[in-house]
């Protein structure tokens, strides 16, 4: 049953559901990276995608964040269909990915490396510091 059919049967969106992934598929030349992927993420829940190399973990995250396009399936965010085609669209929907990257900016903190390129210092139009503190958003409430 797809997320659409599930919502129709239930009659309303379950407010505890933050993200629904239903029947997602992605193929690369000669490789079926994802087939029928499905999971739900509830508010306040921590979910880990675990698997061997090549199991599709990174592919799923890249689909959610608009880096790759899915061939089948549905995403729902807070009960609304989620159709992102670019990383910018995903960020506007509140989704982003921190890629596994070994090349960090060594003089910046962990938090500054994570937010690099995402938050601007409005007075200078770029990521920077005011005094000694980083220009970073507050951690959102759950």
Foldseek 3Di string as FASTA:
>chain_A
DAPVVVCVVVVHDDQQWFKWWFQWWDDDVVGTQDGGDTDTDGPPDDDDDDDDVSNNPVVVLCCLQQNDPTPDTWMAGSNHTDDHNHNVSSVVVVGDDDDPDPDFPVVDDPQCRRCAPPDADVVVGHFDDDPPDGDDDDDDDD
